Amino acid sequence: MCAAIVTYGPDPALLHRVVDSVQTQVGHVVVFDNGSRSVDVAQLLDGRADVSVVASPVNVGLGAALNRACEKAAALGFAHVLLMDQDSVLAEGMVQTLGTALLALQQTEAVAAVGPQFRDSRSGTLAPFVRFGFPLNTKLRGAPGERVSCDFLITSGSLVPVAALQQIGAMDEGLFIDNIDMDWCFRAKRSGYALYGICDAQMVHSIGEELRPSRVKQDGVIVHKPFRLYFINRNRVLLYRRAYTPGVWIAQDLPRLLLKLVGNALFLPQRWQRCRFMYKGLRDGLFGRTGGLPP
């Protein structure tokens, strides 16, 4: 198994912790640095055995970065790739737990990926696995020893067989960032593959730049930087238009979109900037535009 970590302006101390947590659990680590300017990732990790750094002079997007890292892993002869973000710290034995579960599950069905259960690094809350439903998704936190069949796994921590990646297809580079994992999971399920969350596999991770307390949501509200709202909203509209996107996900995501519009417009700082990015994202999604952030 080979780990594939994508970096972009990482915190040096945290990146060392991330690499330390995974290096002893896999055969090799590929780090794709996505045009970092403030940190020289190659120099930062220089001297580490079994770590390859692929440095891009520009930010090519998360989708392209993941694809290049997976191609590198496949070229090195690895049969499985562990996809990772730059802030995900693995618990001891996580990769072996995922690998053991994957091999067992593959005895009876085609499995696209298995993923760990993660705790939010800010709140300590254990994130659930998700099955799509209407009007609300079903959130399953499982129990020790459980392997939860689910409809979606986040990119970070997912263990993916290279053969499944080749059958399902690479990450959509046009999405650039956000909803790339959602799109790939949709394609995996449509192709007849299963996804499983492995409760005994653990890691620490965070989503978004801030987690705000909320009276409505027990786990808090994830807050993104304004520019990310462009990609989040553009890409969700792009997914609405794709034949393999589950209709039940579209039906329950549309009300969530309206709530996000109201929440960002009324309750968060930089509201006008947020509204502008959301509007541009929705507009470009309707026109089918892809790629990086437009001028």
C-alpha atoms as a PDB file:
ATOM      1  CA  MET A   1       0.000   0.000   0.000  1.00  0.00           C
ATOM      2  CA  CYS A   2       1.169   3.496  -0.881  1.00  0.00           C
ATOM      3  CA  ALA A   3      -0.034   6.733   0.719  1.00  0.00           C
ATOM      4  CA  ALA A   4      -0.779   9.735  -1.506  1.00  0.00           C
ATOM      5  CA  ILE A   5      -0.775  13.070   0.343  1.00  0.00           C
ATOM      6  CA  VAL A   6      -1.723  16.335  -1.371  1.00  0.00           C
ATOM      7  CA  THR A   7      -0.291  19.527   0.153  1.00  0.00           C
ATOM      8  CA  TYR A   8      -0.896  23.218  -0.388  1.00  0.00           C
ATOM      9  CA  GLY A   9       0.810  25.661   1.971  1.00  0.00           C
ATOM     10  CA  PRO A  10       0.863  23.130   4.826  1.00  0.00           C
ATOM     11  CA  ASP A  11       1.730  23.829   8.437  1.00  0.00           C
ATOM     12  CA  PRO A  12       5.250  22.330   8.691  1.00  0.00           C
ATOM     13  CA  ALA A  13       4.853  20.872  12.180  1.00  0.00           C
ATOM     14  CA  LEU A  14       1.467  19.328  11.361  1.00  0.00           C
ATOM     15  CA  LEU A  15       2.749  17.889   8.076  1.00  0.00           C
ATOM     16  CA  HIS A  16       5.589  16.156   9.935  1.00  0.00           C
ATOM     17  CA  ARG A  17       2.985  14.643  12.298  1.00  0.00           C
ATOM     18  CA  VAL A  18       0.893  13.478   9.353  1.00  0.00           C
ATOM     19  CA  VAL A  19       3.838  11.843   7.595  1.00  0.00           C
ATOM     20  CA  ASP A  20       5.054  10.305  10.860  1.00  0.00           C
ATOM     21  CA  SER A  21       1.627   8.771  11.440  1.00  0.00           C
ATOM     22  CA  VAL A  22       1.445   7.102   8.029  1.00  0.00           C
ATOM     23  CA  GLN A  23       5.039   6.355   7.067  1.00  0.00           C
ATOM     24  CA  THR A  24       5.385   3.269   9.257  1.00  0.00           C
ATOM     25  CA  GLN A  25       2.020   1.895   8.081  1.00  0.00           C
ATOM     26  CA  VAL A  26       2.612   1.828   4.306  1.00  0.00           C
ATOM     27  CA  GLY A  27       5.321   0.800   1.878  1.00  0.00           C
ATOM     28  CA  HIS A  28       5.849   4.269   0.427  1.00  0.00           C
ATOM     29  CA  VAL A  29       4.535   7.825   0.689  1.00  0.00           C
ATOM     30  CA  VAL A  30       3.977  10.055  -2.352  1.00  0.00           C
ATOM     31  CA  VAL A  31       3.538  13.744  -1.509  1.00  0.00           C
ATOM     32  CA  PHE A  32       2.177  15.927  -4.304  1.00  0.00           C
ATOM     33  CA  ASP A  33       2.766  19.577  -3.472  1.00  0.00           C
ATOM     34  CA  ASN A  34       0.249  21.744  -5.265  1.00  0.00           C
ATOM     35  CA  GLY A  35       2.249  24.904  -5.907  1.00  0.00           C
ATOM     36  CA  SER A  36       2.977  25.905  -2.303  1.00  0.00           C
ATOM     37  CA  ARG A  37       4.738  29.266  -2.064  1.00  0.00           C
ATOM     38  CA  SER A  38       5.178  29.767   1.662  1.00  0.00           C
ATOM     39  CA  VAL A  39       6.610  26.299   2.354  1.00  0.00           C
ATOM     40  CA  ASP A  40       9.230  24.269   0.498  1.00  0.00           C
ATOM     41  CA  VAL A  41       7.683  20.853   1.008  1.00  0.00           C
ATOM     42  CA  ALA A  42      10.483  18.998  -0.785  1.00  0.00           C
ATOM     43  CA  GLN A  43      13.066  20.545   1.524  1.00  0.00           C
ATOM     44  CA  LEU A  44      10.839  20.019   4.549  1.00  0.00           C
ATOM     45  CA  LEU A  45      10.653  16.264   3.923  1.00  0.00           C
ATOM     46  CA  ASP A  46      14.173  15.858   2.543  1.00  0.00           C
ATOM     47  CA  GLY A  47      16.008  12.901   4.002  1.00  0.00           C
ATOM     48  CA  ARG A  48      12.942  10.808   4.826  1.00  0.00           C
ATOM     49  CA  ALA A  49      13.236   7.275   3.543  1.00  0.00           C
ATOM     50  CA  ASP A  50      10.442   5.940   1.319  1.00  0.00           C
ATOM     51  CA  VAL A  51       8.961   9.407   0.736  1.00  0.00           C
ATOM     52  CA  SER A  52       8.726  10.873  -2.786  1.00  0.00           C
ATOM     53  CA  VAL A  53       7.806  14.533  -3.277  1.00  0.00           C
ATOM     54  CA  VAL A  54       6.285  15.604  -6.595  1.00  0.00           C
ATOM     55  CA  ALA A  55       6.376  19.408  -6.728  1.00  0.00           C
ATOM     56  CA  SER A  56       4.055  21.269  -9.073  1.00  0.00           C
ATOM     57  CA  PRO A  57       5.033  24.883  -9.858  1.00  0.00           C
ATOM     58  CA  VAL A  58       1.349  25.883  -9.855  1.00  0.00           C
ATOM     59  CA  ASN A  59      -1.857  24.799  -8.152  1.00  0.00           C
ATOM     60  CA  VAL A  60      -3.371  22.291 -10.571  1.00  0.00           C
ATOM     61  CA  GLY A  61      -6.312  21.534  -8.288  1.00  0.00           C
ATOM     62  CA  LEU A  62      -7.026  18.713  -5.878  1.00  0.00           C
ATOM     63  CA  GLY A  63      -8.421  16.368  -8.521  1.00  0.00           C
ATOM     64  CA  ALA A  64      -5.350  16.590 -10.747  1.00  0.00           C
ATOM     65  CA  ALA A  65      -3.030  16.332  -7.744  1.00  0.00           C
ATOM     66  CA  LEU A  66      -4.713  13.144  -6.546  1.00  0.00           C
ATOM     67  CA  ASN A  67      -4.558  11.659 -10.038  1.00  0.00           C
ATOM     68  CA  ARG A  68      -0.844  12.406 -10.453  1.00  0.00           C
ATOM     69  CA  ALA A  69      -0.091  10.955  -7.012  1.00  0.00           C
ATOM     70  CA  CYS A  70      -2.090   7.794  -7.771  1.00  0.00           C
ATOM     71  CA  GLU A  71      -0.326   7.422 -11.114  1.00  0.00           C
ATOM     72  CA  LYS A  72       3.000   7.649  -9.308  1.00  0.00           C
ATOM     73  CA  ALA A  73       1.915   4.978  -6.816  1.00  0.00           C
ATOM     74  CA  ALA A  74       0.775   2.676  -9.629  1.00  0.00           C
ATOM     75  CA  ALA A  75       4.054   3.233 -11.499  1.00  0.00           C
ATOM     76  CA  LEU A  76       5.930   2.176  -8.364  1.00  0.00           C
ATOM     77  CA  GLY A  77       4.012  -1.111  -8.443  1.00  0.00           C
ATOM     78  CA  PHE A  78       1.585  -0.625  -5.561  1.00  0.00           C
ATOM     79  CA  ALA A  79      -1.839  -2.273  -5.711  1.00  0.00           C
ATOM     80  CA  HIS A  80      -3.581   0.032  -3.214  1.00  0.00           C
ATOM     81  CA  VAL A  81      -3.473   3.768  -2.568  1.00  0.00           C
ATOM     82  CA  LEU A  82      -4.330   5.502   0.694  1.00  0.00           C
ATOM     83  CA  LEU A  83      -5.609   8.991  -0.177  1.00  0.00           C
ATOM     84  CA  MET A  84      -4.764  11.674   2.385  1.00  0.00           C
ATOM     85  CA  ASP A  85      -5.124  15.373   3.127  1.00  0.00           C
ATOM     86  CA  GLN A  86      -2.297  17.335   4.692  1.00  0.00           C
ATOM     87  CA  ASP A  87      -4.014  17.585   8.089  1.00  0.00           C
ATOM     88  CA  SER A  88      -5.066  13.960   8.658  1.00  0.00           C
ATOM     89  CA  VAL A  89      -3.221  12.218  11.502  1.00  0.00           C
ATOM     90  CA  LEU A  90      -3.712   8.450  11.517  1.00  0.00           C
ATOM     91  CA  ALA A  91      -4.158   6.300  14.588  1.00  0.00           C
ATOM     92  CA  GLU A  92      -1.696   3.459  15.036  1.00  0.00           C
ATOM     93  CA  GLY A  93      -2.681   0.437  12.943  1.00  0.00           C
ATOM     94  CA  MET A  94      -5.307   2.300  10.922  1.00  0.00           C
ATOM     95  CA  VAL A  95      -4.008   1.209   7.525  1.00  0.00           C
ATOM     96  CA  GLN A  96      -3.715  -2.445   8.518  1.00  0.00           C
ATOM     97  CA  THR A  97      -7.273  -2.353   9.869  1.00  0.00           C
ATOM     98  CA  LEU A  98      -8.526  -0.910   6.594  1.00  0.00           C
ATOM     99  CA  GLY A  99      -6.543  -3.414   4.529  1.00  0.00           C
ATOM    100  CA  THR A 100      -7.795  -6.397   6.520  1.00  0.00           C
ATOM    101  CA  ALA A 101     -11.407  -5.218   6.181  1.00  0.00           C
ATOM    102  CA  LEU A 102     -10.998  -4.565   2.454  1.00  0.00           C
ATOM    103  CA  LEU A 103      -9.625  -8.051   1.765  1.00  0.00           C
ATOM    104  CA  ALA A 104     -12.467  -9.653   3.732  1.00  0.00           C
ATOM    105  CA  LEU A 105     -15.161  -7.599   1.999  1.00  0.00           C
ATOM    106  CA  GLN A 106     -13.716  -8.312  -1.442  1.00  0.00           C
ATOM    107  CA  GLN A 107     -14.423 -12.007  -0.929  1.00  0.00           C
ATOM    108  CA  THR A 108     -18.135 -11.377  -1.519  1.00  0.00           C
ATOM    109  CA  GLU A 109     -18.447  -8.139  -3.531  1.00  0.00           C
ATOM    110  CA  ALA A 110     -16.628  -5.491  -5.539  1.00  0.00           C
ATOM    111  CA  VAL A 111     -15.421  -2.745  -3.186  1.00  0.00           C
ATOM    112  CA  ALA A 112     -14.328   0.668  -4.465  1.00  0.00           C
ATOM    113  CA  ALA A 113     -12.924   1.946  -1.180  1.00  0.00           C
ATOM    114  CA  VAL A 114     -12.942   1.576   2.572  1.00  0.00           C
ATOM    115  CA  GLY A 115     -12.507   4.547   4.877  1.00  0.00           C
ATOM    116  CA  PRO A 116     -11.859   5.241   8.557  1.00  0.00           C
ATOM    117  CA  GLN A 117     -14.008   7.010  11.092  1.00  0.00           C
ATOM    118  CA  PHE A 118     -12.497  10.374  11.976  1.00  0.00           C
ATOM    119  CA  ARG A 119     -12.679  12.706  14.933  1.00  0.00           C
ATOM    120  CA  ASP A 120     -12.802  16.419  14.301  1.00  0.00           C
ATOM    121  CA  SER A 121      -9.517  17.905  15.491  1.00  0.00           C
ATOM    122  CA  ARG A 122     -11.353  20.930  16.959  1.00  0.00           C
ATOM    123  CA  SER A 123     -14.411  19.466  18.671  1.00  0.00           C
ATOM    124  CA  GLY A 124     -13.394  15.853  19.167  1.00  0.00           C
ATOM    125  CA  THR A 125     -16.725  14.791  17.644  1.00  0.00           C
ATOM    126  CA  LEU A 126     -16.799  11.416  15.902  1.00  0.00           C
ATOM    127  CA  ALA A 127     -18.029  11.905  12.334  1.00  0.00           C
ATOM    128  CA  PRO A 128     -20.751   9.573  11.037  1.00  0.00           C
ATOM    129  CA  PHE A 129     -20.879   7.571   7.830  1.00  0.00           C
ATOM    130  CA  VAL A 130     -23.672   8.587   5.460  1.00  0.00           C
ATOM    131  CA  ARG A 131     -26.443   6.877   3.546  1.00  0.00           C
ATOM    132  CA  PHE A 132     -28.461   9.159   1.306  1.00  0.00           C
ATOM    133  CA  GLY A 133     -32.126   9.638   2.047  1.00  0.00           C
ATOM    134  CA  PHE A 134     -35.010  12.081   1.755  1.00  0.00           C
ATOM    135  CA  PRO A 135     -35.699  14.465   3.326  1.00  0.00           C
ATOM    136  CA  LEU A 136     -32.573  13.803   5.417  1.00  0.00           C
ATOM    137  CA  ASN A 137     -29.545  11.567   5.116  1.00  0.00           C
ATOM    138  CA  THR A 138     -29.093   8.698   7.554  1.00  0.00           C
ATOM    139  CA  LYS A 139     -25.987   9.231   9.699  1.00  0.00           C
ATOM    140  CA  LEU A 140     -24.409   6.107  11.134  1.00  0.00           C
ATOM    141  CA  ARG A 141     -21.629   6.237  13.730  1.00  0.00           C
ATOM    142  CA  GLY A 142     -21.529   2.473  14.087  1.00  0.00           C
ATOM    143  CA  ALA A 143     -19.796   0.604  16.887  1.00  0.00           C
ATOM    144  CA  PRO A 144     -16.470  -1.154  17.468  1.00  0.00           C
ATOM    145  CA  GLY A 145     -16.016  -3.972  14.963  1.00  0.00           C
ATOM    146  CA  GLU A 146     -18.681  -2.679  12.561  1.00  0.00           C
ATOM    147  CA  ARG A 147     -18.204  -2.270   8.830  1.00  0.00           C
ATOM    148  CA  VAL A 148     -20.819   0.222   7.660  1.00  0.00           C
ATOM    149  CA  SER A 149     -22.106   0.110   4.092  1.00  0.00           C
ATOM    150  CA  CYS A 150     -22.407   3.754   3.004  1.00  0.00           C
ATOM    151  CA  ASP A 151     -22.970   5.968  -0.023  1.00  0.00           C
ATOM    152  CA  PHE A 152     -20.062   8.340   0.455  1.00  0.00           C
ATOM    153  CA  LEU A 153     -16.540   8.454   1.879  1.00  0.00           C
ATOM    154  CA  ILE A 154     -14.413  11.561   2.226  1.00  0.00           C
ATOM    155  CA  THR A 155     -11.192  11.459   0.234  1.00  0.00           C
ATOM    156  CA  SER A 156      -8.818  11.573   3.173  1.00  0.00           C
ATOM    157  CA  GLY A 157      -8.195   8.183   4.719  1.00  0.00           C
ATOM    158  CA  SER A 158      -9.843   6.212   1.905  1.00  0.00           C
ATOM    159  CA  LEU A 159      -8.002   3.058   0.876  1.00  0.00           C
ATOM    160  CA  VAL A 160      -8.602   2.443  -2.818  1.00  0.00           C
ATOM    161  CA  PRO A 161      -7.537  -0.566  -4.912  1.00  0.00           C
ATOM    162  CA  VAL A 162      -5.685   0.659  -8.005  1.00  0.00           C
ATOM    163  CA  ALA A 163      -7.713  -1.806 -10.101  1.00  0.00           C
ATOM    164  CA  ALA A 164     -10.979  -0.234  -8.889  1.00  0.00           C
ATOM    165  CA  LEU A 165      -9.644   3.250  -9.597  1.00  0.00           C
ATOM    166  CA  GLN A 166      -8.827   2.196 -13.149  1.00  0.00           C
ATOM    167  CA  GLN A 167     -12.290   0.674 -13.654  1.00  0.00           C
ATOM    168  CA  ILE A 168     -14.281   3.557 -12.132  1.00  0.00           C
ATOM    169  CA  GLY A 169     -12.087   6.292 -13.571  1.00  0.00           C
ATOM    170  CA  ALA A 170      -9.840   8.991 -12.192  1.00  0.00           C
ATOM    171  CA  MET A 171     -10.906  11.965 -10.091  1.00  0.00           C
ATOM    172  CA  ASP A 172     -12.671  14.695 -12.078  1.00  0.00           C
ATOM    173  CA  GLU A 173      -9.959  17.321 -12.571  1.00  0.00           C
ATOM    174  CA  GLY A 174     -12.469  19.859 -13.884  1.00  0.00           C
ATOM    175  CA  LEU A 175     -14.088  20.151 -10.456  1.00  0.00           C
ATOM    176  CA  PHE A 176     -10.711  21.462  -9.206  1.00  0.00           C
ATOM    177  CA  ILE A 177     -11.631  21.250  -5.497  1.00  0.00           C
ATOM    178  CA  ASP A 178     -14.759  20.356  -3.462  1.00  0.00           C
ATOM    179  CA  ASN A 179     -17.187  17.525  -4.218  1.00  0.00           C
ATOM    180  CA  ILE A 180     -14.472  15.567  -6.050  1.00  0.00           C
ATOM    181  CA  ASP A 181     -14.904  12.688  -3.615  1.00  0.00           C
ATOM    182  CA  MET A 182     -18.696  12.914  -3.905  1.00  0.00           C
ATOM    183  CA  ASP A 183     -18.507  12.671  -7.706  1.00  0.00           C
ATOM    184  CA  TRP A 184     -16.157   9.674  -7.564  1.00  0.00           C
ATOM    185  CA  CYS A 185     -18.348   7.875  -5.036  1.00  0.00           C
ATOM    186  CA  PHE A 186     -21.412   8.442  -7.231  1.00  0.00           C
ATOM    187  CA  ARG A 187     -19.579   6.869 -10.171  1.00  0.00           C
ATOM    188  CA  ALA A 188     -18.364   3.979  -8.027  1.00  0.00           C
ATOM    189  CA  LYS A 189     -21.870   3.115  -6.812  1.00  0.00           C
ATOM    190  CA  ARG A 190     -23.329   3.443 -10.316  1.00  0.00           C
ATOM    191  CA  SER A 191     -20.637   1.024 -11.555  1.00  0.00           C
ATOM    192  CA  GLY A 192     -21.726  -1.596  -9.016  1.00  0.00           C
ATOM    193  CA  TYR A 193     -19.032  -1.061  -6.408  1.00  0.00           C
ATOM    194  CA  ALA A 194     -19.610  -0.842  -2.664  1.00  0.00           C
ATOM    195  CA  LEU A 195     -18.213   1.652  -0.158  1.00  0.00           C
ATOM    196  CA  TYR A 196     -17.595   0.818   3.489  1.00  0.00           C
ATOM    197  CA  GLY A 197     -16.755   2.772   6.604  1.00  0.00           C
ATOM    198  CA  ILE A 198     -14.580   0.812   9.022  1.00  0.00           C
ATOM    199  CA  CYS A 199     -15.326   1.807  12.613  1.00  0.00           C
ATOM    200  CA  ASP A 200     -12.162   0.273  14.076  1.00  0.00           C
ATOM    201  CA  ALA A 201      -9.993   2.429  11.780  1.00  0.00           C
ATOM    202  CA  GLN A 202      -9.503   5.883  13.277  1.00  0.00           C
ATOM    203  CA  MET A 203      -7.904   9.205  12.379  1.00  0.00           C
ATOM    204  CA  VAL A 204      -8.023  12.882  13.374  1.00  0.00           C
ATOM    205  CA  HIS A 205      -9.136  15.284  10.661  1.00  0.00           C
ATOM    206  CA  SER A 206     -10.994  18.554  10.116  1.00  0.00           C
ATOM    207  CA  ILE A 207     -13.289  19.857   7.378  1.00  0.00           C
ATOM    208  CA  GLY A 208     -13.518  23.565   6.592  1.00  0.00           C
ATOM    209  CA  GLU A 209     -11.542  26.423   8.079  1.00  0.00           C
ATOM    210  CA  GLU A 210     -13.737  26.952  11.141  1.00  0.00           C
ATOM    211  CA  LEU A 211     -16.270  25.070  13.251  1.00  0.00           C
ATOM    212  CA  ARG A 212     -18.900  27.328  14.837  1.00  0.00           C
ATOM    213  CA  PRO A 213     -21.197  26.318  17.698  1.00  0.00           C
ATOM    214  CA  SER A 214     -24.835  25.959  16.700  1.00  0.00           C
ATOM    215  CA  ARG A 215     -28.139  25.558  18.532  1.00  0.00           C
ATOM    216  CA  VAL A 216     -29.530  23.683  15.545  1.00  0.00           C
ATOM    217  CA  LYS A 217     -26.652  21.285  14.757  1.00  0.00           C
ATOM    218  CA  GLN A 218     -25.140  19.420  17.681  1.00  0.00           C
ATOM    219  CA  ASP A 219     -21.841  18.911  15.853  1.00  0.00           C
ATOM    220  CA  GLY A 220     -21.532  22.618  14.986  1.00  0.00           C
ATOM    221  CA  VAL A 221     -21.545  24.406  11.633  1.00  0.00           C
ATOM    222  CA  ILE A 222     -18.610  24.068   9.237  1.00  0.00           C
ATOM    223  CA  VAL A 223     -17.519  27.440   7.854  1.00  0.00           C
ATOM    224  CA  HIS A 224     -15.438  27.768   4.685  1.00  0.00           C
ATOM    225  CA  LYS A 225     -13.489  30.706   3.343  1.00  0.00           C
ATOM    226  CA  PRO A 226     -15.576  32.832   0.943  1.00  0.00           C
ATOM    227  CA  PHE A 227     -13.751  31.728  -2.231  1.00  0.00           C
ATOM    228  CA  ARG A 228     -14.464  28.064  -1.458  1.00  0.00           C
ATOM    229  CA  LEU A 229     -18.175  28.816  -1.724  1.00  0.00           C
ATOM    230  CA  TYR A 230     -17.658  29.340  -5.450  1.00  0.00           C
ATOM    231  CA  PHE A 231     -16.451  25.761  -5.920  1.00  0.00           C
ATOM    232  CA  ILE A 232     -18.912  24.216  -3.471  1.00  0.00           C
ATOM    233  CA  ASN A 233     -21.914  25.753  -5.219  1.00  0.00           C
ATOM    234  CA  ARG A 234     -20.653  25.474  -8.796  1.00  0.00           C
ATOM    235  CA  ASN A 235     -19.747  21.832  -8.370  1.00  0.00           C
ATOM    236  CA  ARG A 236     -22.987  20.837  -6.658  1.00  0.00           C
ATOM    237  CA  VAL A 237     -24.893  22.270  -9.655  1.00  0.00           C
ATOM    238  CA  LEU A 238     -22.570  20.410 -12.026  1.00  0.00           C
ATOM    239  CA  LEU A 239     -23.356  17.201 -10.130  1.00  0.00           C
ATOM    240  CA  TYR A 240     -27.101  17.883 -10.369  1.00  0.00           C
ATOM    241  CA  ARG A 241     -26.722  17.655 -14.140  1.00  0.00           C
ATOM    242  CA  ARG A 242     -24.908  14.313 -14.267  1.00  0.00           C
ATOM    243  CA  ALA A 243     -26.823  11.127 -15.081  1.00  0.00           C
ATOM    244  CA  TYR A 244     -25.064   9.034 -12.436  1.00  0.00           C
ATOM    245  CA  THR A 245     -25.858  11.416  -9.553  1.00  0.00           C
ATOM    246  CA  PRO A 246     -28.518   9.814  -7.307  1.00  0.00           C
ATOM    247  CA  GLY A 247     -31.850  11.612  -7.512  1.00  0.00           C
ATOM    248  CA  VAL A 248     -32.341  11.231  -3.748  1.00  0.00           C
ATOM    249  CA  TRP A 249     -29.132  13.180  -3.122  1.00  0.00           C
ATOM    250  CA  ILE A 250     -30.257  16.009  -5.418  1.00  0.00           C
ATOM    251  CA  ALA A 251     -33.677  16.127  -3.731  1.00  0.00           C
ATOM    252  CA  GLN A 252     -32.229  16.534  -0.235  1.00  0.00           C
ATOM    253  CA  ASP A 253     -29.354  18.785  -1.311  1.00  0.00           C
ATOM    254  CA  LEU A 254     -31.530  21.482  -2.875  1.00  0.00           C
ATOM    255  CA  PRO A 255     -33.105  22.518   0.473  1.00  0.00           C
ATOM    256  CA  ARG A 256     -29.631  22.449   2.026  1.00  0.00           C
ATOM    257  CA  LEU A 257     -28.431  24.805  -0.699  1.00  0.00           C
ATOM    258  CA  LEU A 258     -31.175  27.280   0.215  1.00  0.00           C
ATOM    259  CA  LEU A 259     -30.280  27.061   3.901  1.00  0.00           C
ATOM    260  CA  LYS A 260     -26.600  27.667   3.069  1.00  0.00           C
ATOM    261  CA  LEU A 261     -27.523  30.736   1.010  1.00  0.00           C
ATOM    262  CA  VAL A 262     -29.550  32.188   3.876  1.00  0.00           C
ATOM    263  CA  GLY A 263     -26.973  31.302   6.511  1.00  0.00           C
ATOM    264  CA  ASN A 264     -24.050  32.858   4.647  1.00  0.00           C
ATOM    265  CA  ALA A 265     -26.061  35.959   3.745  1.00  0.00           C
ATOM    266  CA  LEU A 266     -27.376  36.659   7.251  1.00  0.00           C
ATOM    267  CA  PHE A 267     -25.216  35.103   9.931  1.00  0.00           C
ATOM    268  CA  LEU A 268     -21.563  35.042   8.829  1.00  0.00           C
ATOM    269  CA  PRO A 269     -18.960  37.805   8.384  1.00  0.00           C
ATOM    270  CA  GLN A 270     -17.994  38.988   4.883  1.00  0.00           C
ATOM    271  CA  ARG A 271     -21.589  38.309   3.855  1.00  0.00           C
ATOM    272  CA  TRP A 272     -21.456  40.279   0.595  1.00  0.00           C
ATOM    273  CA  GLN A 273     -18.269  38.570  -0.475  1.00  0.00           C
ATOM    274  CA  ARG A 274     -19.812  35.220   0.401  1.00  0.00           C
ATOM    275  CA  CYS A 275     -22.966  35.986  -1.567  1.00  0.00           C
ATOM    276  CA  ARG A 276     -20.930  37.074  -4.583  1.00  0.00           C
ATOM    277  CA  PHE A 277     -18.898  33.858  -4.654  1.00  0.00           C
ATOM    278  CA  MET A 278     -22.022  31.734  -4.167  1.00  0.00           C
ATOM    279  CA  TYR A 279     -23.869  33.529  -6.955  1.00  0.00           C
ATOM    280  CA  LYS A 280     -20.934  33.178  -9.358  1.00  0.00           C
ATOM    281  CA  GLY A 281     -20.620  29.500  -8.506  1.00  0.00           C
ATOM    282  CA  LEU A 282     -24.294  28.806  -9.126  1.00  0.00           C
ATOM    283  CA  ARG A 283     -24.194  30.753 -12.378  1.00  0.00           C
ATOM    284  CA  ASP A 284     -21.091  28.973 -13.684  1.00  0.00           C
ATOM    285  CA  GLY A 285     -22.558  25.616 -12.647  1.00  0.00           C
ATOM    286  CA  LEU A 286     -25.637  26.309 -14.742  1.00  0.00           C
ATOM    287  CA  PHE A 287     -23.394  27.181 -17.701  1.00  0.00           C
ATOM    288  CA  GLY A 288     -21.326  24.024 -17.176  1.00  0.00           C
ATOM    289  CA  ARG A 289     -18.037  25.785 -16.508  1.00  0.00           C
ATOM    290  CA  THR A 290     -15.211  23.862 -14.864  1.00  0.00           C
ATOM    291  CA  GLY A 291     -11.591  24.447 -13.839  1.00  0.00           C
ATOM    292  CA  GLY A 292      -9.975  26.799 -11.360  1.00  0.00           C
ATOM    293  CA  LEU A 293     -11.244  30.039  -9.863  1.00  0.00           C
ATOM    294  CA  PRO A 294     -12.071  32.519 -12.666  1.00  0.00           C
ATOM    295  CA  PRO A 295     -10.740  36.110 -12.550  1.00  0.00           C
END
